[in-house]
Protein backbone atom coordinates (compact mmCIF):
# COMPACT_ATOMS: atom_id res chain seq x y z
CA UNK A 1 12.80 79.46 4.55
CA UNK A 2 15.40 76.81 5.37
CA UNK A 3 14.92 73.11 6.09
CA UNK A 4 16.82 71.88 9.14
CA UNK A 5 17.59 68.32 10.23
CA UNK A 6 18.69 66.47 13.35
CA UNK A 7 22.25 66.78 11.99
CA UNK A 8 22.31 70.58 11.59
CA UNK A 9 19.71 71.69 14.18
CA UNK A 10 22.38 72.75 16.69
CA UNK A 11 24.26 74.86 14.14
CA UNK A 12 21.21 76.36 12.41
CA UNK A 13 18.94 76.94 15.42
CA UNK A 14 20.78 76.66 18.73
CA UNK A 15 23.80 78.61 17.45
CA UNK A 16 21.85 81.24 15.50
CA UNK A 17 22.44 84.93 16.18
CA UNK A 18 18.81 85.87 15.52
CA UNK A 19 15.72 84.43 17.20
CA UNK A 20 14.62 81.36 15.22
CA UNK A 21 11.05 80.27 14.50
CA UNK A 22 11.04 76.49 13.93
CA UNK A 23 8.00 74.88 12.33
CA UNK A 24 7.81 71.18 13.18
CA UNK A 25 6.00 69.89 10.11
CA UNK A 26 5.09 66.78 8.10
CA UNK A 27 4.22 66.12 4.47
CA UNK A 28 0.95 64.46 5.45
CA UNK A 29 -0.23 67.47 7.52
CA UNK A 30 -2.76 69.75 5.71
CA UNK A 31 -2.48 72.63 8.24
CA UNK A 32 1.31 72.52 7.78
CA UNK A 33 0.88 72.97 4.03
CA UNK A 34 -1.54 75.80 4.74
CA UNK A 35 1.17 77.56 6.77
CA UNK A 36 3.83 77.41 4.02
CA UNK A 37 2.91 80.73 2.30
CA UNK A 38 2.50 82.45 5.69
CA UNK A 39 5.96 81.34 6.81
CA UNK A 40 7.56 82.26 3.48
CA UNK A 41 6.09 85.77 3.75
CA UNK A 42 7.20 86.03 7.38
CA UNK A 43 10.74 84.93 6.49
CA UNK A 44 10.87 87.54 3.72
CA UNK A 45 9.40 90.42 5.75
CA UNK A 46 11.13 89.74 9.09
CA UNK A 47 14.39 88.22 7.80
CA UNK A 48 16.52 90.88 9.48
CA UNK A 49 14.95 90.14 12.90
CA UNK A 50 13.89 86.49 12.71
CA UNK A 51 15.15 83.31 11.07
CA UNK A 52 12.39 80.94 9.91
CA UNK A 53 13.12 77.23 9.45
CA UNK A 54 11.17 74.01 9.20
CA UNK A 55 11.94 70.54 10.45
CA UNK A 56 10.24 67.43 9.05
CA UNK A 57 9.19 65.37 12.08
CA UNK A 58 9.14 62.05 10.20
CA UNK A 59 12.75 62.24 9.04
CA UNK A 60 14.12 63.97 12.16
CA UNK A 61 12.86 62.04 15.21
CA UNK A 62 15.73 63.00 17.55
CA UNK A 63 14.94 66.72 17.57
CA UNK A 64 11.19 66.09 17.50
CA UNK A 65 11.41 63.84 20.57
CA UNK A 66 13.92 66.10 22.36
CA UNK A 67 11.38 68.95 22.34
CA UNK A 68 8.39 66.65 22.98
CA UNK A 69 6.57 67.70 19.81
CA UNK A 70 3.35 65.70 19.47
CA UNK A 71 1.12 67.78 17.17
CA UNK A 72 1.70 69.34 13.77
CA UNK A 73 2.30 72.07 13.07
CA UNK A 74 4.13 73.06 16.24
CA UNK A 75 6.01 76.36 16.20
CA UNK A 76 8.86 76.94 18.63
CA UNK A 77 10.84 80.13 19.00
CA UNK A 78 14.46 79.75 20.06
CA UNK A 79 16.56 82.66 21.27
CA UNK A 80 20.10 82.28 22.55
CA UNK A 81 19.83 78.53 22.04
CA UNK A 82 16.84 78.16 24.37
CA UNK A 83 13.19 77.51 23.48
CA UNK A 84 11.29 80.67 24.48
CA UNK A 85 7.81 79.95 23.21
CA UNK A 86 5.75 77.13 21.75
CA UNK A 87 2.52 77.34 19.73
CA UNK A 88 0.47 74.52 18.22
CA UNK A 89 -1.78 74.74 15.16
CA UNK A 90 -2.14 76.80 12.03
CA UNK A 91 -2.83 80.52 12.40
CA UNK A 92 -3.12 83.65 10.29
CA UNK A 93 0.03 85.68 9.68
CA UNK A 94 -1.33 88.62 11.71
CA UNK A 95 -1.98 86.40 14.72
CA UNK A 96 1.43 84.73 14.37
CA UNK A 97 3.11 88.15 14.32
CA UNK A 98 1.17 89.20 17.43
CA UNK A 99 2.31 86.05 19.22
CA UNK A 100 5.91 86.65 18.17
CA UNK A 101 5.96 90.31 19.20
CA UNK A 102 7.45 89.61 22.65
CA UNK A 103 10.38 87.58 21.28
CA UNK A 104 11.36 89.82 18.37
């Protein structure tokens, strides 16, 4: 799982070949920490079909504000440079996979 910033968001997410799942996260967010092992497993298992990255909202306000992210964790799926889907809150890996099925 890769960390992205305001500086490299365009290159890493908007310009990516694969669909990208972005977790908007924060150090102070317990549900975000709870999602870390789920996202690592997802990145490992679906790496050929999906890129998984995280963006720290506190140190990257430009991207956070550009996509109007207000709650953590927020998950956004980008495909072809466009946001396709947005989900808020921690969830089990199985449920996350079900919600991603239509964009993979």
